[in-house]
Amino acid sequence: MQLHFSNEGPALVVAVTGRMDALTVKDFETAAAEVAARAPERLVVDFSGLEYISSAGLRRILTLAKECQAARRPLGFCALSPAVGEVFRISGLTSVLRIFPDRASALAGF
């Protein structure tokens, strides 16, 4: 899994590529700590390059959402591939997380 950070206006965008599973979720966890340290006004997680997400990845996503909610930091996810989107739908995350079709929508949606 690879993570790329970019500042876009008042938001920090984290683009995730590859696979988020039990072996790679620690990288995302470390990145989430970095994000907290940077304290962006808004956070967008771009999953356009994410091929697979496991239950370990889903747990970390929920933890990130709780951390952002506690810090009153808006959080949005965007560009879920069909496979990743299906996992989000089956697990019920589409009803509790802000999910946008693409990065531009996510940045405009706050």
N, C-alpha and C. Protein backbone atom coordinates (compact mmCIF):
# COMPACT_ATOMS: atom_id res chain seq x y z
N MET A 1 0.84 -1.17 0.00
CA MET A 1 0.00 0.00 0.00
C MET A 1 0.89 1.24 0.00
N GLN A 2 0.49 2.22 -0.77
CA GLN A 2 1.20 3.49 -0.80
C GLN A 2 0.24 4.62 -0.44
N LEU A 3 0.78 5.63 0.21
CA LEU A 3 0.01 6.79 0.62
C LEU A 3 0.67 8.04 0.07
N HIS A 4 -0.13 8.92 -0.52
CA HIS A 4 0.37 10.17 -1.05
C HIS A 4 -0.46 11.30 -0.45
N PHE A 5 0.23 12.31 0.08
CA PHE A 5 -0.43 13.44 0.73
C PHE A 5 -0.35 14.66 -0.16
N SER A 6 -1.43 15.44 -0.20
CA SER A 6 -1.40 16.71 -0.91
C SER A 6 -2.36 17.67 -0.22
N ASN A 7 -1.97 18.92 -0.19
CA ASN A 7 -2.83 19.97 0.35
C ASN A 7 -3.62 20.55 -0.81
N GLU A 8 -4.93 20.57 -0.66
CA GLU A 8 -5.80 21.14 -1.69
C GLU A 8 -6.76 22.09 -1.00
N GLY A 9 -6.42 23.38 -1.04
CA GLY A 9 -7.21 24.38 -0.33
C GLY A 9 -7.11 24.11 1.16
N PRO A 10 -8.24 24.14 1.85
CA PRO A 10 -8.21 23.90 3.30
C PRO A 10 -8.23 22.42 3.67
N ALA A 11 -8.04 21.54 2.68
CA ALA A 11 -8.12 20.11 2.95
C ALA A 11 -6.77 19.43 2.72
N LEU A 12 -6.56 18.39 3.50
CA LEU A 12 -5.44 17.48 3.26
C LEU A 12 -6.04 16.25 2.60
N VAL A 13 -5.49 15.88 1.44
CA VAL A 13 -5.97 14.71 0.72
C VAL A 13 -4.95 13.60 0.89
N VAL A 14 -5.43 12.43 1.30
CA VAL A 14 -4.59 11.24 1.41
C VAL A 14 -5.05 10.27 0.33
N ALA A 15 -4.22 10.05 -0.68
CA ALA A 15 -4.54 9.11 -1.75
C ALA A 15 -3.92 7.76 -1.39
N VAL A 16 -4.76 6.74 -1.34
CA VAL A 16 -4.33 5.40 -0.94
C VAL A 16 -4.35 4.50 -2.17
N THR A 17 -3.24 3.81 -2.43
CA THR A 17 -3.19 2.87 -3.55
C THR A 17 -2.73 1.51 -3.06
N GLY A 18 -3.15 0.48 -3.76
CA GLY A 18 -2.73 -0.88 -3.42
C GLY A 18 -3.79 -1.59 -2.61
N ARG A 19 -3.33 -2.30 -1.58
CA ARG A 19 -4.20 -3.13 -0.74
C ARG A 19 -4.10 -2.68 0.71
N MET A 20 -5.25 -2.58 1.39
CA MET A 20 -5.25 -2.27 2.81
C MET A 20 -5.74 -3.52 3.52
N ASP A 21 -4.79 -4.23 4.11
CA ASP A 21 -5.13 -5.47 4.80
C ASP A 21 -4.34 -5.54 6.10
N ALA A 22 -4.37 -6.69 6.75
CA ALA A 22 -3.71 -6.84 8.05
C ALA A 22 -2.21 -6.55 7.98
N LEU A 23 -1.61 -6.78 6.83
CA LEU A 23 -0.17 -6.54 6.68
C LEU A 23 0.17 -5.08 6.45
N THR A 24 -0.75 -4.33 5.85
CA THR A 24 -0.43 -2.95 5.49
C THR A 24 -1.18 -1.90 6.31
N VAL A 25 -2.15 -2.31 7.12
CA VAL A 25 -2.96 -1.35 7.84
C VAL A 25 -2.13 -0.51 8.81
N LYS A 26 -1.01 -1.04 9.27
CA LYS A 26 -0.13 -0.26 10.17
C LYS A 26 0.38 1.00 9.48
N ASP A 27 0.64 0.91 8.16
CA ASP A 27 1.08 2.09 7.41
C ASP A 27 -0.01 3.16 7.43
N PHE A 28 -1.25 2.72 7.25
CA PHE A 28 -2.36 3.68 7.27
C PHE A 28 -2.52 4.26 8.67
N GLU A 29 -2.32 3.43 9.69
CA GLU A 29 -2.42 3.89 11.08
C GLU A 29 -1.36 4.96 11.36
N THR A 30 -0.14 4.73 10.89
CA THR A 30 0.93 5.71 11.05
C THR A 30 0.57 7.01 10.33
N ALA A 31 0.02 6.87 9.12
CA ALA A 31 -0.38 8.05 8.35
C ALA A 31 -1.48 8.82 9.07
N ALA A 32 -2.41 8.10 9.69
CA ALA A 32 -3.48 8.76 10.43
C ALA A 32 -2.91 9.59 11.58
N ALA A 33 -1.87 9.08 12.22
CA ALA A 33 -1.22 9.84 13.29
C ALA A 33 -0.56 11.09 12.72
N GLU A 34 0.03 10.98 11.53
CA GLU A 34 0.61 12.14 10.86
C GLU A 34 -0.46 13.18 10.57
N VAL A 35 -1.59 12.71 10.08
CA VAL A 35 -2.70 13.60 9.76
C VAL A 35 -3.14 14.36 11.00
N ALA A 36 -3.25 13.65 12.11
CA ALA A 36 -3.65 14.29 13.36
C ALA A 36 -2.64 15.35 13.77
N ALA A 37 -1.37 15.08 13.54
CA ALA A 37 -0.33 16.04 13.89
C ALA A 37 -0.39 17.28 13.00
N ARG A 38 -0.76 17.10 11.75
CA ARG A 38 -0.85 18.24 10.82
C ARG A 38 -2.10 19.07 11.07
N ALA A 39 -3.09 18.45 11.71
CA ALA A 39 -4.35 19.11 12.07
C ALA A 39 -4.95 19.91 10.91
N PRO A 40 -5.25 19.24 9.80
CA PRO A 40 -5.87 19.97 8.70
C PRO A 40 -7.29 20.37 9.07
N GLU A 41 -7.78 21.38 8.38
CA GLU A 41 -9.16 21.80 8.62
C GLU A 41 -10.12 20.72 8.14
N ARG A 42 -9.79 20.07 7.03
CA ARG A 42 -10.62 19.01 6.45
C ARG A 42 -9.72 17.88 5.99
N LEU A 43 -10.28 16.69 5.93
CA LEU A 43 -9.53 15.53 5.48
C LEU A 43 -10.34 14.77 4.44
N VAL A 44 -9.70 14.47 3.31
CA VAL A 44 -10.31 13.67 2.26
C VAL A 44 -9.41 12.47 2.02
N VAL A 45 -9.98 11.28 2.05
CA VAL A 45 -9.25 10.05 1.77
C VAL A 45 -9.71 9.57 0.40
N ASP A 46 -8.78 9.58 -0.55
CA ASP A 46 -9.07 9.21 -1.95
C ASP A 46 -8.70 7.75 -2.15
N PHE A 47 -9.71 6.92 -2.39
CA PHE A 47 -9.50 5.48 -2.56
C PHE A 47 -9.51 5.07 -4.03
N SER A 48 -9.29 6.00 -4.95
CA SER A 48 -9.35 5.65 -6.38
C SER A 48 -8.32 4.59 -6.75
N GLY A 49 -7.22 4.50 -6.01
CA GLY A 49 -6.21 3.50 -6.30
C GLY A 49 -6.22 2.31 -5.37
N LEU A 50 -7.21 2.24 -4.48
CA LEU A 50 -7.29 1.12 -3.54
C LEU A 50 -7.96 -0.07 -4.23
N GLU A 51 -7.24 -1.18 -4.28
CA GLU A 51 -7.74 -2.38 -4.96
C GLU A 51 -8.52 -3.30 -4.03
N TYR A 52 -8.17 -3.29 -2.74
CA TYR A 52 -8.74 -4.25 -1.79
C TYR A 52 -8.68 -3.67 -0.39
N ILE A 53 -9.71 -3.95 0.41
CA ILE A 53 -9.69 -3.55 1.81
C ILE A 53 -10.24 -4.72 2.63
N SER A 54 -9.54 -5.07 3.69
CA SER A 54 -9.94 -6.17 4.56
C SER A 54 -10.68 -5.62 5.77
N SER A 55 -11.11 -6.53 6.64
CA SER A 55 -11.79 -6.11 7.86
C SER A 55 -10.85 -5.29 8.75
N ALA A 56 -9.56 -5.58 8.72
CA ALA A 56 -8.60 -4.78 9.49
C ALA A 56 -8.57 -3.35 8.96
N GLY A 57 -8.63 -3.19 7.66
CA GLY A 57 -8.68 -1.86 7.06
C GLY A 57 -9.96 -1.13 7.43
N LEU A 58 -11.08 -1.85 7.41
CA LEU A 58 -12.36 -1.24 7.78
C LEU A 58 -12.34 -0.76 9.22
N ARG A 59 -11.76 -1.55 10.12
CA ARG A 59 -11.67 -1.14 11.53
C ARG A 59 -10.86 0.15 11.64
N ARG A 60 -9.77 0.26 10.88
CA ARG A 60 -8.94 1.46 10.97
C ARG A 60 -9.67 2.67 10.40
N ILE A 61 -10.46 2.46 9.36
CA ILE A 61 -11.27 3.54 8.79
C ILE A 61 -12.26 4.05 9.85
N LEU A 62 -12.90 3.15 10.55
CA LEU A 62 -13.84 3.55 11.60
C LEU A 62 -13.14 4.29 12.73
N THR A 63 -11.94 3.84 13.09
CA THR A 63 -11.18 4.53 14.13
C THR A 63 -10.83 5.94 13.68
N LEU A 64 -10.40 6.08 12.42
CA LEU A 64 -10.08 7.41 11.89
C LEU A 64 -11.32 8.29 11.92
N ALA A 65 -12.46 7.76 11.55
CA ALA A 65 -13.70 8.54 11.56
C ALA A 65 -14.03 9.02 12.97
N LYS A 66 -13.85 8.16 13.96
CA LYS A 66 -14.11 8.55 15.35
C LYS A 66 -13.14 9.62 15.80
N GLU A 67 -11.86 9.49 15.42
CA GLU A 67 -10.86 10.49 15.80
C GLU A 67 -11.19 11.84 15.18
N CYS A 68 -11.58 11.84 13.92
CA CYS A 68 -11.92 13.10 13.25
C CYS A 68 -13.17 13.71 13.86
N GLN A 69 -14.14 12.87 14.20
CA GLN A 69 -15.36 13.38 14.82
C GLN A 69 -15.03 14.03 16.17
N ALA A 70 -14.18 13.39 16.95
CA ALA A 70 -13.80 13.93 18.26
C ALA A 70 -13.06 15.26 18.11
N ALA A 71 -12.27 15.39 17.05
CA ALA A 71 -11.51 16.62 16.81
C ALA A 71 -12.32 17.64 16.02
N ARG A 72 -13.57 17.30 15.70
CA ARG A 72 -14.43 18.17 14.89
C ARG A 72 -13.78 18.51 13.55
N ARG A 73 -13.15 17.51 12.97
CA ARG A 73 -12.48 17.67 11.68
C ARG A 73 -13.32 16.94 10.63
N PRO A 74 -13.87 17.66 9.65
CA PRO A 74 -14.66 17.01 8.61
C PRO A 74 -13.82 15.96 7.86
N LEU A 75 -14.45 14.84 7.58
CA LEU A 75 -13.78 13.72 6.92
C LEU A 75 -14.67 13.21 5.80
N GLY A 76 -14.07 13.00 4.64
CA GLY A 76 -14.81 12.43 3.52
C GLY A 76 -13.95 11.41 2.80
N PHE A 77 -14.60 10.43 2.21
CA PHE A 77 -13.94 9.40 1.41
C PHE A 77 -14.44 9.53 -0.01
N CYS A 78 -13.58 9.28 -0.97
CA CYS A 78 -14.02 9.44 -2.35
C CYS A 78 -13.42 8.39 -3.27
N ALA A 79 -14.07 8.27 -4.43
CA ALA A 79 -13.59 7.47 -5.55
C ALA A 79 -13.37 6.00 -5.20
N LEU A 80 -14.34 5.42 -4.52
CA LEU A 80 -14.25 4.00 -4.18
C LEU A 80 -14.42 3.16 -5.45
N SER A 81 -13.52 2.23 -5.65
CA SER A 81 -13.66 1.30 -6.78
C SER A 81 -14.90 0.45 -6.54
N PRO A 82 -15.42 -0.19 -7.57
CA PRO A 82 -16.61 -1.04 -7.36
C PRO A 82 -16.41 -2.09 -6.27
N ALA A 83 -15.25 -2.73 -6.24
CA ALA A 83 -15.00 -3.78 -5.24
C ALA A 83 -14.94 -3.20 -3.83
N VAL A 84 -14.23 -2.10 -3.66
CA VAL A 84 -14.13 -1.47 -2.34
C VAL A 84 -15.48 -0.87 -1.94
N GLY A 85 -16.18 -0.28 -2.89
CA GLY A 85 -17.51 0.26 -2.61
C GLY A 85 -18.47 -0.81 -2.14
N GLU A 86 -18.38 -2.00 -2.73
CA GLU A 86 -19.24 -3.11 -2.33
C GLU A 86 -18.95 -3.52 -0.88
N VAL A 87 -17.67 -3.56 -0.51
CA VAL A 87 -17.31 -3.90 0.88
C VAL A 87 -17.86 -2.84 1.83
N PHE A 88 -17.77 -1.58 1.46
CA PHE A 88 -18.32 -0.50 2.29
C PHE A 88 -19.84 -0.66 2.42
N ARG A 89 -20.52 -0.99 1.31
CA ARG A 89 -21.98 -1.15 1.35
C ARG A 89 -22.38 -2.34 2.22
N ILE A 90 -21.73 -3.47 2.03
CA ILE A 90 -22.06 -4.68 2.79
C ILE A 90 -21.84 -4.47 4.29
N SER A 91 -20.77 -3.75 4.63
CA SER A 91 -20.45 -3.53 6.04
C SER A 91 -21.27 -2.41 6.67
N GLY A 92 -22.04 -1.69 5.87
CA GLY A 92 -22.88 -0.61 6.39
C GLY A 92 -22.19 0.73 6.53
N LEU A 93 -20.96 0.83 6.05
CA LEU A 93 -20.21 2.08 6.21
C LEU A 93 -20.76 3.22 5.34
N THR A 94 -21.44 2.88 4.26
CA THR A 94 -21.97 3.94 3.40
C THR A 94 -23.04 4.77 4.11
N SER A 95 -23.62 4.22 5.17
CA SER A 95 -24.65 4.98 5.89
C SER A 95 -24.08 5.80 7.04
N VAL A 96 -22.83 5.57 7.41
CA VAL A 96 -22.26 6.31 8.54
C VAL A 96 -21.08 7.21 8.15
N LEU A 97 -20.54 7.04 6.95
CA LEU A 97 -19.42 7.85 6.49
C LEU A 97 -19.86 8.72 5.31
N ARG A 98 -19.19 9.84 5.16
CA ARG A 98 -19.44 10.71 4.00
C ARG A 98 -18.62 10.18 2.84
N ILE A 99 -19.31 9.70 1.81
CA ILE A 99 -18.65 9.12 0.65
C ILE A 99 -19.07 9.88 -0.59
N PHE A 100 -18.08 10.29 -1.38
CA PHE A 100 -18.30 11.09 -2.57
C PHE A 100 -17.82 10.32 -3.80
N PRO A 101 -18.41 10.59 -4.96
CA PRO A 101 -18.02 9.84 -6.16
C PRO A 101 -16.60 10.14 -6.65
N ASP A 102 -16.10 11.36 -6.39
CA ASP A 102 -14.76 11.71 -6.85
C ASP A 102 -14.16 12.78 -5.93
N ARG A 103 -12.88 13.07 -6.16
CA ARG A 103 -12.16 14.02 -5.30
C ARG A 103 -12.76 15.41 -5.35
N ALA A 104 -13.12 15.88 -6.55
CA ALA A 104 -13.68 17.23 -6.67
C ALA A 104 -14.98 17.36 -5.87
N SER A 105 -15.82 16.33 -5.94
CA SER A 105 -17.06 16.35 -5.17
C SER A 105 -16.79 16.37 -3.67
N ALA A 106 -15.79 15.59 -3.26
CA ALA A 106 -15.45 15.55 -1.84
C ALA A 106 -14.95 16.91 -1.36
N LEU A 107 -14.11 17.55 -2.14
CA LEU A 107 -13.57 18.85 -1.75
C LEU A 107 -14.67 19.91 -1.73
N ALA A 108 -15.61 19.81 -2.64
CA ALA A 108 -16.71 20.78 -2.69
C ALA A 108 -17.81 20.46 -1.69
N GLY A 109 -17.85 19.23 -1.19
CA GLY A 109 -18.95 18.78 -0.35
C GLY A 109 -18.90 19.18 1.10
N PHE A 110 -17.84 19.87 1.51
CA PHE A 110 -17.73 20.25 2.93
C PHE A 110 -18.36 21.60 3.16
